[in-house]
Protein backbone atom coordinates (compact mmCIF):
# COMPACT_ATOMS: atom_id res chain seq x y z
CA MET A 1 -6.57 11.58 -12.38
CA ALA A 2 -7.48 8.16 -11.38
CA LYS A 3 -6.57 6.87 -7.81
CA GLY A 4 -4.17 4.20 -7.08
CA ARG A 5 -3.04 2.14 -4.35
CA PHE A 6 0.46 2.46 -2.84
CA VAL A 7 2.42 0.94 0.02
CA LEU A 8 4.47 3.23 2.21
CA ARG A 9 7.16 1.33 3.98
CA TYR A 10 9.19 3.03 6.91
CA ARG A 11 12.90 1.77 6.66
CA GLY A 12 14.15 4.18 9.45
CA GLU A 13 15.32 3.19 13.18
CA GLY A 14 12.75 3.00 15.80
CA VAL A 15 9.06 3.47 15.78
CA VAL A 16 7.32 5.34 12.87
CA PRO A 17 7.03 8.98 13.44
CA ASP A 18 3.56 9.93 14.26
CA ALA A 19 4.15 13.42 12.46
CA ASP A 20 4.84 11.61 9.19
CA VAL A 21 1.82 9.45 9.47
CA THR A 22 -0.25 12.58 10.06
CA ARG A 23 0.88 14.16 6.94
CA VAL A 24 -0.06 11.32 4.92
CA GLN A 25 -3.37 11.17 6.64
CA GLN A 26 -4.07 14.98 5.77
CA LEU A 27 -3.02 14.92 2.02
CA PRO A 28 -5.97 15.93 0.22
CA GLY A 29 -7.85 13.12 -1.30
CA ALA A 30 -5.73 10.53 0.21
CA VAL A 31 -7.37 7.58 2.14
CA VAL A 32 -5.30 5.34 4.36
CA VAL A 33 -6.75 1.95 3.59
CA ASP A 34 -4.73 -0.28 6.14
CA SER A 35 -1.70 0.23 8.39
CA SER A 36 0.72 -1.94 10.30
CA ALA A 37 3.83 -1.41 12.52
CA ARG A 38 5.95 0.01 9.58
CA MET A 39 3.79 0.16 6.58
CA LEU A 40 0.80 2.11 5.18
CA VAL A 41 -1.51 1.12 2.42
CA VAL A 42 -2.77 4.67 0.89
CA GLU A 43 -5.32 5.16 -1.99
CA ALA A 44 -4.59 8.48 -3.40
CA ASP A 45 -3.24 10.24 -6.86
CA ALA A 46 0.52 9.29 -7.61
CA GLY A 47 1.71 12.75 -7.99
CA PRO A 48 0.93 14.23 -4.72
CA LEU A 49 1.71 11.32 -2.89
CA ARG A 50 5.21 11.15 -4.48
CA ALA A 51 6.04 14.60 -3.73
CA LEU A 52 5.15 14.14 -0.08
CA VAL A 53 6.94 10.77 0.26
CA ASP A 54 10.09 12.27 -1.20
CA GLY A 55 10.12 15.20 1.46
CA LEU A 56 9.92 12.28 4.09
CA PRO A 57 13.05 10.70 5.19
CA ASP A 58 13.19 6.82 5.55
CA TRP A 59 10.06 6.28 3.69
CA VAL A 60 9.69 4.09 0.52
CA LEU A 61 7.03 4.08 -1.97
CA ALA A 62 5.71 1.32 -4.23
CA PRO A 63 2.42 0.65 -6.25
CA GLU A 64 0.46 -2.13 -4.57
CA GLN A 65 0.55 -5.27 -6.50
CA ALA A 66 -1.95 -8.10 -6.54
CA PHE A 67 -1.44 -11.58 -7.62
CA VAL A 68 -4.07 -14.32 -8.66
CA VAL A 69 -3.80 -17.36 -6.41
CA PRO A 70 -4.22 -20.45 -8.75
CA ASP A 71 -7.13 -22.82 -7.80
CA VAL A 72 -4.91 -26.06 -7.38
CA ARG A 73 -7.90 -28.27 -6.03
CA GLN A 74 -8.52 -31.30 -7.69
CA LYS A 75 -11.58 -31.60 -10.01
CA ILE A 76 -13.53 -34.54 -11.51
CA GLU A 77 -13.44 -34.31 -15.13
CA ARG A 78 -16.24 -37.07 -15.43
CA PRO A 79 -18.02 -39.14 -13.39
CA PRO A 80 -16.75 -42.63 -12.59
CA THR A 81 -18.14 -45.43 -14.76
């Protein structure tokens, strides 16, 4: 099964429980790619990660989304005459 990237967001009161973050870090095959005060970006298999997050209160799991930013710089179509 291919790994995917997922965003875990803590929606509870107060600070993120260290025990929850440790459980995510110790999930076999999971890698915490980035983190902030209330979010983790995790690369892992979807099934085991979903099962873990379902058992953690106040956490929400969503697949990471990437967007292509359009190039809005002006371009010269032809040289001036």
